[in-house]
Amino acid sequence: MNTYCSVPDIEAEALVLALCLLNIEEVEGSRKGKLQEDVCLTDEEVAFNFPAEYLKASLAELHDRIFALSLDEALETDSAALSVLSCINQGEQDHHISALALERGDEVPIPTHSQEILEWTVSLSNNDITGVVEPDPGEMDDLAGPPQHSYCSLTGHQSPCQTTNFVHLLCHCFLIC
C-alpha cells in the first residue's frame, strides 16, 4: 500500500482487496458444507485464513485512511472561516475586557491585534465594500438596535453587540457562498 494516495486511488485499492477477499470467501464457502465443527482445519484452510485476515485488516486500514483524508480536506476547506471566526471571537473578548476596565475606571489596555483587525473589518464594511451580500429584511429583525455601552460611545469603538451582528452577517455570507 502507498503512503499517500488520493481517495480514488485508495478506493480502487480497496476494491481490489475486497475482490480478493470475496474469492477466498467463495472458496471457503464451497467447502463449509463438507466440514464438521469438531474437525481440525486442514493445511489448505489455514493457508486461506492468513491472507483473508490480512485482507480484512488492510481493508479496515484503507477505510480509515479514506475517512482521515476526508477530515483533512474538510479542515483545509474550513480553516479560513474558522480563522476568521476565531479572530472575531478573540477581538470581542478583548473588547469586552477593555470595556470592563473603562467602566471600573482602570486604564484601558492597548488594543490587541484581534481588536485592530475587527476595527479594520468594520471600517471596510462601513465603506460599503461588503454591500454585495444583502441579507433578507426578515433575517435582520432580531439584530436591530444593539445597546450602546459607555466604552463604545466614548471611544467610538464598535460595541460587542454590533460585532455580533457583523459575525451574523459574515456567517450569512459563508452560507450563501
N, C-alpha and C. Protein backbone atom coordinates (compact mmCIF):
# COMPACT_ATOMS: atom_id res chain seq x y z
N MET A 1 0.83 -1.19 0.00
CA MET A 1 0.00 0.00 0.00
C MET A 1 0.87 1.25 0.00
N ASN A 2 0.42 2.27 -0.67
CA ASN A 2 1.16 3.52 -0.77
C ASN A 2 1.02 4.32 0.52
N THR A 3 2.02 5.17 0.78
CA THR A 3 1.98 6.00 1.98
C THR A 3 0.91 7.08 1.85
N TYR A 4 0.83 7.73 0.70
CA TYR A 4 -0.20 8.75 0.48
C TYR A 4 -0.75 8.60 -0.93
N CYS A 5 -2.05 8.47 -1.01
CA CYS A 5 -2.74 8.38 -2.30
C CYS A 5 -3.98 9.25 -2.23
N SER A 6 -4.54 9.52 -3.37
CA SER A 6 -5.81 10.24 -3.41
C SER A 6 -6.92 9.27 -3.03
N VAL A 7 -8.07 9.81 -2.70
CA VAL A 7 -9.21 8.97 -2.32
C VAL A 7 -9.59 7.99 -3.43
N PRO A 8 -9.66 8.41 -4.70
CA PRO A 8 -9.98 7.42 -5.75
C PRO A 8 -8.96 6.29 -5.84
N ASP A 9 -7.67 6.59 -5.64
CA ASP A 9 -6.65 5.54 -5.66
C ASP A 9 -6.87 4.56 -4.51
N ILE A 10 -7.16 5.08 -3.35
CA ILE A 10 -7.38 4.22 -2.19
C ILE A 10 -8.64 3.39 -2.39
N GLU A 11 -9.69 4.00 -2.94
CA GLU A 11 -10.92 3.24 -3.20
C GLU A 11 -10.68 2.13 -4.21
N ALA A 12 -9.85 2.39 -5.22
CA ALA A 12 -9.53 1.35 -6.21
C ALA A 12 -8.75 0.21 -5.54
N GLU A 13 -7.81 0.57 -4.68
CA GLU A 13 -7.05 -0.44 -3.96
C GLU A 13 -7.96 -1.25 -3.04
N ALA A 14 -8.90 -0.58 -2.39
CA ALA A 14 -9.85 -1.27 -1.52
C ALA A 14 -10.73 -2.22 -2.32
N LEU A 15 -11.12 -1.83 -3.52
CA LEU A 15 -11.93 -2.69 -4.38
C LEU A 15 -11.17 -3.96 -4.75
N VAL A 16 -9.90 -3.82 -5.09
CA VAL A 16 -9.08 -4.99 -5.43
C VAL A 16 -8.97 -5.92 -4.23
N LEU A 17 -8.72 -5.35 -3.05
CA LEU A 17 -8.62 -6.18 -1.84
C LEU A 17 -9.95 -6.86 -1.53
N ALA A 18 -11.05 -6.14 -1.71
CA ALA A 18 -12.37 -6.72 -1.45
C ALA A 18 -12.66 -7.87 -2.40
N LEU A 19 -12.27 -7.73 -3.67
CA LEU A 19 -12.48 -8.82 -4.63
C LEU A 19 -11.63 -10.04 -4.28
N CYS A 20 -10.40 -9.82 -3.85
CA CYS A 20 -9.55 -10.94 -3.41
C CYS A 20 -10.17 -11.64 -2.21
N LEU A 21 -10.66 -10.85 -1.26
CA LEU A 21 -11.30 -11.43 -0.08
C LEU A 21 -12.56 -12.19 -0.47
N LEU A 22 -13.31 -11.68 -1.41
CA LEU A 22 -14.52 -12.36 -1.89
C LEU A 22 -14.16 -13.70 -2.52
N ASN A 23 -13.08 -13.74 -3.29
CA ASN A 23 -12.63 -15.00 -3.89
C ASN A 23 -12.28 -16.03 -2.82
N ILE A 24 -11.57 -15.59 -1.80
CA ILE A 24 -11.20 -16.51 -0.71
C ILE A 24 -12.45 -17.01 0.00
N GLU A 25 -13.39 -16.10 0.28
CA GLU A 25 -14.62 -16.50 0.97
C GLU A 25 -15.45 -17.45 0.13
N GLU A 26 -15.45 -17.27 -1.20
CA GLU A 26 -16.19 -18.20 -2.07
C GLU A 26 -15.57 -19.59 -2.04
N VAL A 27 -14.25 -19.65 -2.06
CA VAL A 27 -13.58 -20.96 -1.99
C VAL A 27 -13.86 -21.61 -0.64
N GLU A 28 -13.76 -20.84 0.44
CA GLU A 28 -14.05 -21.38 1.76
C GLU A 28 -15.51 -21.78 1.89
N GLY A 29 -16.39 -20.98 1.30
CA GLY A 29 -17.83 -21.27 1.37
C GLY A 29 -18.20 -22.56 0.66
N SER A 30 -17.50 -22.88 -0.41
CA SER A 30 -17.81 -24.12 -1.14
C SER A 30 -17.40 -25.35 -0.34
N ARG A 31 -16.55 -25.19 0.65
CA ARG A 31 -16.09 -26.33 1.45
C ARG A 31 -16.77 -26.41 2.80
N LYS A 32 -17.46 -25.39 3.23
CA LYS A 32 -18.05 -25.36 4.56
C LYS A 32 -19.04 -26.50 4.78
N GLY A 33 -19.82 -26.83 3.78
CA GLY A 33 -20.82 -27.88 3.94
C GLY A 33 -20.21 -29.24 4.16
N LYS A 34 -19.00 -29.43 3.75
CA LYS A 34 -18.33 -30.71 3.87
C LYS A 34 -17.64 -30.89 5.22
N LEU A 35 -17.44 -29.79 5.98
CA LEU A 35 -16.71 -29.87 7.24
C LEU A 35 -17.64 -30.05 8.42
N GLN A 36 -17.13 -30.69 9.44
CA GLN A 36 -17.82 -30.76 10.71
C GLN A 36 -17.10 -29.85 11.68
N GLU A 37 -17.80 -29.36 12.68
CA GLU A 37 -17.21 -28.36 13.57
C GLU A 37 -16.09 -28.91 14.42
N ASP A 38 -16.14 -30.17 14.80
CA ASP A 38 -15.12 -30.71 15.69
C ASP A 38 -13.87 -31.19 14.96
N VAL A 39 -13.85 -31.06 13.64
CA VAL A 39 -12.71 -31.49 12.85
C VAL A 39 -11.72 -30.33 12.74
N CYS A 40 -10.44 -30.63 12.86
CA CYS A 40 -9.38 -29.61 12.74
C CYS A 40 -9.33 -29.08 11.31
N LEU A 41 -8.86 -27.84 11.20
CA LEU A 41 -8.70 -27.23 9.88
C LEU A 41 -7.56 -27.91 9.13
N THR A 42 -7.74 -28.04 7.84
CA THR A 42 -6.68 -28.61 7.01
C THR A 42 -5.63 -27.54 6.75
N ASP A 43 -4.49 -27.96 6.25
CA ASP A 43 -3.43 -27.01 5.92
C ASP A 43 -3.90 -26.01 4.86
N GLU A 44 -4.70 -26.48 3.94
CA GLU A 44 -5.22 -25.61 2.89
C GLU A 44 -6.14 -24.54 3.48
N GLU A 45 -6.98 -24.91 4.43
CA GLU A 45 -7.90 -23.95 5.05
C GLU A 45 -7.13 -22.93 5.89
N VAL A 46 -6.12 -23.39 6.59
CA VAL A 46 -5.28 -22.48 7.36
C VAL A 46 -4.57 -21.52 6.41
N ALA A 47 -4.12 -22.04 5.28
CA ALA A 47 -3.44 -21.21 4.28
C ALA A 47 -4.37 -20.14 3.73
N PHE A 48 -5.67 -20.42 3.62
CA PHE A 48 -6.63 -19.41 3.16
C PHE A 48 -6.94 -18.39 4.26
N ASN A 49 -6.89 -18.81 5.52
CA ASN A 49 -7.26 -17.91 6.62
C ASN A 49 -6.26 -16.77 6.79
N PHE A 50 -4.97 -17.03 6.61
CA PHE A 50 -3.97 -15.97 6.80
C PHE A 50 -4.16 -14.82 5.82
N PRO A 51 -4.26 -15.08 4.52
CA PRO A 51 -4.48 -13.94 3.61
C PRO A 51 -5.84 -13.26 3.83
N ALA A 52 -6.84 -14.05 4.22
CA ALA A 52 -8.17 -13.46 4.46
C ALA A 52 -8.10 -12.47 5.62
N GLU A 53 -7.42 -12.83 6.69
CA GLU A 53 -7.27 -11.92 7.83
C GLU A 53 -6.46 -10.68 7.45
N TYR A 54 -5.41 -10.88 6.66
CA TYR A 54 -4.60 -9.75 6.19
C TYR A 54 -5.45 -8.81 5.33
N LEU A 55 -6.25 -9.39 4.44
CA LEU A 55 -7.09 -8.56 3.56
C LEU A 55 -8.12 -7.78 4.37
N LYS A 56 -8.71 -8.42 5.38
CA LYS A 56 -9.70 -7.73 6.22
C LYS A 56 -9.05 -6.56 6.97
N ALA A 57 -7.86 -6.79 7.51
CA ALA A 57 -7.15 -5.72 8.23
C ALA A 57 -6.76 -4.60 7.27
N SER A 58 -6.31 -4.96 6.07
CA SER A 58 -5.93 -3.95 5.08
C SER A 58 -7.13 -3.13 4.63
N LEU A 59 -8.27 -3.79 4.45
CA LEU A 59 -9.49 -3.05 4.07
C LEU A 59 -9.89 -2.07 5.17
N ALA A 60 -9.82 -2.51 6.41
CA ALA A 60 -10.16 -1.61 7.53
C ALA A 60 -9.22 -0.41 7.55
N GLU A 61 -7.93 -0.65 7.30
CA GLU A 61 -6.95 0.44 7.28
C GLU A 61 -7.23 1.41 6.13
N LEU A 62 -7.60 0.88 4.98
CA LEU A 62 -7.91 1.74 3.83
C LEU A 62 -9.15 2.59 4.10
N HIS A 63 -10.16 2.00 4.72
CA HIS A 63 -11.37 2.77 5.05
C HIS A 63 -11.03 3.86 6.07
N ASP A 64 -10.16 3.55 7.03
CA ASP A 64 -9.73 4.56 8.00
C ASP A 64 -8.95 5.68 7.30
N ARG A 65 -8.13 5.33 6.33
CA ARG A 65 -7.36 6.33 5.59
C ARG A 65 -8.29 7.24 4.78
N ILE A 66 -9.31 6.66 4.15
CA ILE A 66 -10.28 7.47 3.40
C ILE A 66 -10.98 8.45 4.34
N PHE A 67 -11.37 7.97 5.51
CA PHE A 67 -12.03 8.82 6.50
C PHE A 67 -11.09 9.95 6.94
N ALA A 68 -9.82 9.61 7.21
CA ALA A 68 -8.85 10.63 7.63
C ALA A 68 -8.62 11.67 6.54
N LEU A 69 -8.55 11.23 5.29
CA LEU A 69 -8.37 12.18 4.18
C LEU A 69 -9.58 13.10 4.04
N SER A 70 -10.78 12.57 4.27
CA SER A 70 -11.97 13.42 4.17
C SER A 70 -11.99 14.45 5.30
N LEU A 71 -11.54 14.05 6.50
CA LEU A 71 -11.44 15.02 7.60
C LEU A 71 -10.40 16.09 7.29
N ASP A 72 -9.27 15.67 6.74
CA ASP A 72 -8.22 16.62 6.38
C ASP A 72 -8.72 17.62 5.34
N GLU A 73 -9.44 17.13 4.35
CA GLU A 73 -9.99 18.01 3.32
C GLU A 73 -10.99 18.99 3.91
N ALA A 74 -11.83 18.50 4.83
CA ALA A 74 -12.81 19.38 5.47
C ALA A 74 -12.11 20.47 6.29
N LEU A 75 -11.07 20.10 7.01
CA LEU A 75 -10.33 21.09 7.80
C LEU A 75 -9.65 22.12 6.91
N GLU A 76 -9.08 21.68 5.81
CA GLU A 76 -8.45 22.62 4.88
C GLU A 76 -9.48 23.57 4.29
N THR A 77 -10.64 23.04 3.96
CA THR A 77 -11.70 23.84 3.36
C THR A 77 -12.22 24.87 4.36
N ASP A 78 -12.37 24.46 5.61
CA ASP A 78 -12.97 25.32 6.62
C ASP A 78 -11.97 26.16 7.40
N SER A 79 -10.68 25.98 7.17
CA SER A 79 -9.68 26.66 8.01
C SER A 79 -9.77 28.18 7.90
N ALA A 80 -10.03 28.70 6.73
CA ALA A 80 -10.13 30.16 6.58
C ALA A 80 -11.31 30.71 7.38
N ALA A 81 -12.45 30.05 7.26
CA ALA A 81 -13.63 30.50 8.01
C ALA A 81 -13.40 30.37 9.51
N LEU A 82 -12.78 29.27 9.93
CA LEU A 82 -12.50 29.07 11.35
C LEU A 82 -11.52 30.12 11.87
N SER A 83 -10.54 30.50 11.07
CA SER A 83 -9.58 31.54 11.48
C SER A 83 -10.28 32.88 11.65
N VAL A 84 -11.14 33.23 10.72
CA VAL A 84 -11.87 34.50 10.80
C VAL A 84 -12.75 34.52 12.04
N LEU A 85 -13.49 33.44 12.25
CA LEU A 85 -14.38 33.39 13.41
C LEU A 85 -13.60 33.40 14.72
N SER A 86 -12.45 32.74 14.75
CA SER A 86 -11.60 32.75 15.95
C SER A 86 -11.08 34.15 16.23
N CYS A 87 -10.66 34.85 15.20
CA CYS A 87 -10.17 36.22 15.36
C CYS A 87 -11.29 37.14 15.85
N ILE A 88 -12.46 36.98 15.28
CA ILE A 88 -13.61 37.80 15.71
C ILE A 88 -13.94 37.53 17.17
N ASN A 89 -13.95 36.26 17.54
CA ASN A 89 -14.24 35.88 18.92
C ASN A 89 -13.21 36.48 19.87
N GLN A 90 -11.94 36.38 19.53
CA GLN A 90 -10.88 36.94 20.38
C GLN A 90 -11.01 38.46 20.46
N GLY A 91 -11.31 39.11 19.34
CA GLY A 91 -11.49 40.56 19.34
C GLY A 91 -12.65 40.98 20.23
N GLU A 92 -13.74 40.22 20.19
CA GLU A 92 -14.89 40.53 21.05
C GLU A 92 -14.53 40.38 22.52
N GLN A 93 -13.79 39.32 22.85
CA GLN A 93 -13.38 39.12 24.24
C GLN A 93 -12.45 40.24 24.70
N ASP A 94 -11.50 40.61 23.86
CA ASP A 94 -10.58 41.71 24.20
C ASP A 94 -11.34 43.03 24.33
N HIS A 95 -12.30 43.25 23.47
CA HIS A 95 -13.12 44.46 23.52
C HIS A 95 -13.91 44.50 24.83
N HIS A 96 -14.45 43.37 25.22
CA HIS A 96 -15.22 43.29 26.46
C HIS A 96 -14.32 43.59 27.67
N ILE A 97 -13.11 43.05 27.67
CA ILE A 97 -12.17 43.31 28.76
C ILE A 97 -11.84 44.80 28.82
N SER A 98 -11.66 45.44 27.68
CA SER A 98 -11.38 46.89 27.63
C SER A 98 -12.57 47.68 28.16
N ALA A 99 -13.77 47.27 27.79
CA ALA A 99 -14.97 47.97 28.25
C ALA A 99 -15.12 47.85 29.76
N LEU A 100 -14.84 46.67 30.30
CA LEU A 100 -14.93 46.49 31.75
C LEU A 100 -13.88 47.33 32.48
N ALA A 101 -12.68 47.40 31.93
CA ALA A 101 -11.62 48.21 32.54
C ALA A 101 -12.02 49.68 32.55
N LEU A 102 -12.59 50.17 31.47
CA LEU A 102 -13.02 51.56 31.39
C LEU A 102 -14.15 51.83 32.37
N GLU A 103 -15.08 50.88 32.49
CA GLU A 103 -16.20 51.03 33.41
C GLU A 103 -15.72 51.10 34.86
N ARG A 104 -14.68 50.33 35.20
CA ARG A 104 -14.13 50.33 36.55
C ARG A 104 -13.26 51.56 36.80
N GLY A 105 -12.93 52.28 35.76
CA GLY A 105 -12.07 53.44 35.89
C GLY A 105 -10.60 53.09 35.76
N ASP A 106 -10.29 51.86 35.39
CA ASP A 106 -8.91 51.44 35.18
C ASP A 106 -8.41 51.96 33.84
N GLU A 107 -7.10 51.83 33.66
CA GLU A 107 -6.51 52.22 32.39
C GLU A 107 -6.95 51.23 31.31
N VAL A 108 -7.35 51.74 30.18
CA VAL A 108 -7.80 50.88 29.07
C VAL A 108 -6.57 50.23 28.44
N PRO A 109 -6.60 48.90 28.30
CA PRO A 109 -5.45 48.22 27.68
C PRO A 109 -5.26 48.66 26.23
N ILE A 110 -4.02 48.53 25.77
CA ILE A 110 -3.72 48.82 24.37
C ILE A 110 -4.51 47.85 23.50
N PRO A 111 -5.14 48.33 22.43
CA PRO A 111 -5.92 47.42 21.57
C PRO A 111 -5.05 46.26 21.05
N THR A 112 -5.61 45.09 21.12
CA THR A 112 -4.89 43.90 20.65
C THR A 112 -4.98 43.80 19.14
N HIS A 113 -4.20 42.89 18.60
CA HIS A 113 -4.21 42.66 17.16
C HIS A 113 -5.62 42.26 16.69
N SER A 114 -6.30 41.42 17.47
CA SER A 114 -7.66 40.99 17.10
C SER A 114 -8.61 42.17 17.07
N GLN A 115 -8.49 43.08 18.04
CA GLN A 115 -9.35 44.27 18.04
C GLN A 115 -9.07 45.15 16.83
N GLU A 116 -7.80 45.30 16.49
CA GLU A 116 -7.45 46.12 15.33
C GLU A 116 -8.01 45.53 14.04
N ILE A 117 -7.93 44.21 13.93
CA ILE A 117 -8.49 43.55 12.74
C ILE A 117 -9.99 43.76 12.69
N LEU A 118 -10.66 43.64 13.85
CA LEU A 118 -12.11 43.88 13.87
C LEU A 118 -12.44 45.31 13.45
N GLU A 119 -11.69 46.27 13.97
CA GLU A 119 -11.95 47.66 13.61
C GLU A 119 -11.70 47.90 12.12
N TRP A 120 -10.65 47.29 11.59
CA TRP A 120 -10.35 47.42 10.17
C TRP A 120 -11.48 46.80 9.35
N THR A 121 -11.96 45.64 9.76
CA THR A 121 -13.05 44.96 9.06
C THR A 121 -14.32 45.79 9.12
N VAL A 122 -14.59 46.38 10.29
CA VAL A 122 -15.79 47.21 10.43
C VAL A 122 -15.68 48.44 9.56
N SER A 123 -14.49 49.04 9.48
CA SER A 123 -14.35 50.23 8.64
C SER A 123 -14.57 49.87 7.17
N LEU A 124 -14.14 48.68 6.77
CA LEU A 124 -14.41 48.25 5.40
C LEU A 124 -15.90 48.05 5.18
N SER A 125 -16.57 47.44 6.16
CA SER A 125 -18.00 47.19 5.98
C SER A 125 -18.77 48.50 6.00
N ASN A 126 -18.27 49.52 6.72
CA ASN A 126 -18.93 50.82 6.73
C ASN A 126 -18.69 51.57 5.42
N ASN A 127 -17.66 51.21 4.68
CA ASN A 127 -17.38 51.83 3.38
C ASN A 127 -18.13 51.13 2.26
N ASP A 128 -19.02 50.25 2.60
CA ASP A 128 -19.91 49.55 1.67
C ASP A 128 -19.16 48.63 0.71
N ILE A 129 -17.97 48.15 1.13
CA ILE A 129 -17.27 47.17 0.31
C ILE A 129 -17.99 45.83 0.37
N THR A 130 -18.62 45.56 1.51
CA THR A 130 -19.32 44.29 1.67
C THR A 130 -20.78 44.39 1.23
N GLY A 131 -21.15 45.46 0.55
CA GLY A 131 -22.53 45.65 0.15
C GLY A 131 -23.03 44.65 -0.88
N VAL A 132 -22.17 43.78 -1.36
CA VAL A 132 -22.58 42.79 -2.35
C VAL A 132 -23.55 41.80 -1.74
N VAL A 133 -23.33 41.43 -0.48
CA VAL A 133 -24.20 40.46 0.20
C VAL A 133 -25.21 41.24 1.02
N GLU A 134 -26.46 41.09 0.69
CA GLU A 134 -27.50 41.77 1.43
C GLU A 134 -28.45 40.73 1.99
N PRO A 135 -28.55 40.61 3.33
CA PRO A 135 -29.45 39.63 3.92
C PRO A 135 -30.90 40.04 3.71
N ASP A 136 -31.77 39.07 3.79
CA ASP A 136 -33.20 39.35 3.69
C ASP A 136 -33.62 40.22 4.86
N PRO A 137 -34.61 41.12 4.66
CA PRO A 137 -35.04 42.00 5.75
C PRO A 137 -35.52 41.23 6.98
N GLY A 138 -36.18 40.10 6.80
CA GLY A 138 -36.68 39.32 7.93
C GLY A 138 -35.57 38.72 8.78
N GLU A 139 -34.42 38.49 8.18
CA GLU A 139 -33.30 37.90 8.92
C GLU A 139 -32.67 38.90 9.89
N MET A 140 -32.85 40.17 9.65
CA MET A 140 -32.20 41.19 10.46
C MET A 140 -33.09 41.70 11.59
N ASP A 141 -34.35 41.22 11.69
CA ASP A 141 -35.26 41.72 12.72
C ASP A 141 -34.71 41.56 14.12
N ASP A 142 -34.13 40.38 14.41
CA ASP A 142 -33.64 40.13 15.76
C ASP A 142 -32.30 40.80 16.03
N LEU A 143 -31.69 41.41 15.02
CA LEU A 143 -30.38 42.04 15.20
C LEU A 143 -30.47 43.56 15.28
N ALA A 144 -31.65 44.12 15.16
CA ALA A 144 -31.79 45.57 15.12
C ALA A 144 -31.59 46.18 16.50
N GLY A 145 -31.07 47.39 16.51
CA GLY A 145 -30.97 48.19 17.73
C GLY A 145 -30.07 47.64 18.80
N PRO A 146 -28.77 47.48 18.55
CA PRO A 146 -27.89 46.99 19.60
C PRO A 146 -27.74 48.02 20.70
N PRO A 147 -27.63 47.57 21.94
CA PRO A 147 -27.46 48.52 23.03
C PRO A 147 -26.08 49.18 22.94
N GLN A 148 -26.00 50.43 23.36
CA GLN A 148 -24.74 51.15 23.34
C GLN A 148 -24.09 51.04 24.73
N HIS A 149 -22.81 50.78 24.77
CA HIS A 149 -22.06 50.70 26.02
C HIS A 149 -21.28 52.00 26.17
N SER A 150 -21.04 52.39 27.42
CA SER A 150 -20.35 53.66 27.66
C SER A 150 -18.97 53.67 27.00
N TYR A 151 -18.28 52.55 27.03
CA TYR A 151 -16.95 52.47 26.42
C TYR A 151 -17.04 52.75 24.93
N CYS A 152 -18.06 52.20 24.28
CA CYS A 152 -18.18 52.35 22.84
C CYS A 152 -18.50 53.79 22.45
N SER A 153 -19.38 54.42 23.22
CA SER A 153 -19.75 55.79 22.85
C SER A 153 -18.60 56.76 23.15
N LEU A 154 -17.77 56.46 24.15
CA LEU A 154 -16.65 57.35 24.46
C LEU A 154 -15.50 57.21 23.48
N THR A 155 -15.23 55.98 23.06
CA THR A 155 -14.05 55.75 22.22
C THR A 155 -14.38 55.63 20.75
N GLY A 156 -15.65 55.47 20.43
CA GLY A 156 -16.03 55.30 19.03
C GLY A 156 -15.83 53.88 18.55
N HIS A 157 -15.48 52.97 19.46
CA HIS A 157 -15.31 51.57 19.07
C HIS A 157 -16.67 50.92 18.87
N GLN A 158 -16.65 49.84 18.17
CA GLN A 158 -17.88 49.10 17.91
C GLN A 158 -18.25 48.30 19.16
N SER A 159 -19.54 48.29 19.50
CA SER A 159 -19.97 47.54 20.67
C SER A 159 -19.94 46.05 20.39
N PRO A 160 -19.84 45.23 21.45
CA PRO A 160 -19.85 43.78 21.24
C PRO A 160 -21.11 43.33 20.52
N CYS A 161 -22.22 43.98 20.79
CA CYS A 161 -23.47 43.58 20.12
C CYS A 161 -23.39 43.86 18.62
N GLN A 162 -22.79 44.99 18.24
CA GLN A 162 -22.64 45.29 16.83
C GLN A 162 -21.67 44.31 16.18
N THR A 163 -20.63 43.94 16.92
CA THR A 163 -19.68 42.96 16.40
C THR A 163 -20.39 41.64 16.18
N THR A 164 -21.27 41.28 17.11
CA THR A 164 -22.04 40.04 16.94
C THR A 164 -22.90 40.13 15.69
N ASN A 165 -23.47 41.30 15.42
CA ASN A 165 -24.23 41.48 14.18
C ASN A 165 -23.33 41.22 12.98
N PHE A 166 -22.09 41.73 13.05
CA PHE A 166 -21.15 41.52 11.96
C PHE A 166 -20.86 40.03 11.79
N VAL A 167 -20.73 39.31 12.91
CA VAL A 167 -20.50 37.86 12.84
C VAL A 167 -21.67 37.18 12.15
N HIS A 168 -22.89 37.59 12.50
CA HIS A 168 -24.06 37.01 11.84
C HIS A 168 -24.04 37.28 10.34
N LEU A 169 -23.68 38.50 9.96
CA LEU A 169 -23.58 38.82 8.53
C LEU A 169 -22.49 38.01 7.86
N LEU A 170 -21.35 37.86 8.54
CA LEU A 170 -20.25 37.08 7.99
C LEU A 170 -20.67 35.62 7.79
N CYS A 171 -21.31 35.06 8.80
CA CYS A 171 -21.78 33.67 8.68
C CYS A 171 -22.82 33.55 7.57
N HIS A 172 -23.69 34.55 7.45
CA HIS A 172 -24.68 34.54 6.37
C HIS A 172 -23.98 34.52 5.02
N CYS A 173 -22.89 35.28 4.90
CA CYS A 173 -22.12 35.31 3.66
C CYS A 173 -21.53 33.94 3.37
N PHE A 174 -20.98 33.25 4.38
CA PHE A 174 -20.40 31.93 4.18
C PHE A 174 -21.47 30.93 3.76
N LEU A 175 -22.68 31.07 4.30
CA LEU A 175 -23.75 30.14 3.95
C LEU A 175 -24.22 30.36 2.52
N ILE A 176 -24.22 31.61 2.07
CA ILE A 176 -24.65 31.90 0.70
C ILE A 176 -23.60 31.45 -0.30
N CYS A 177 -22.33 31.77 -0.01
CA CYS A 177 -21.23 31.44 -0.93
C CYS A 177 -20.94 29.99 -0.85
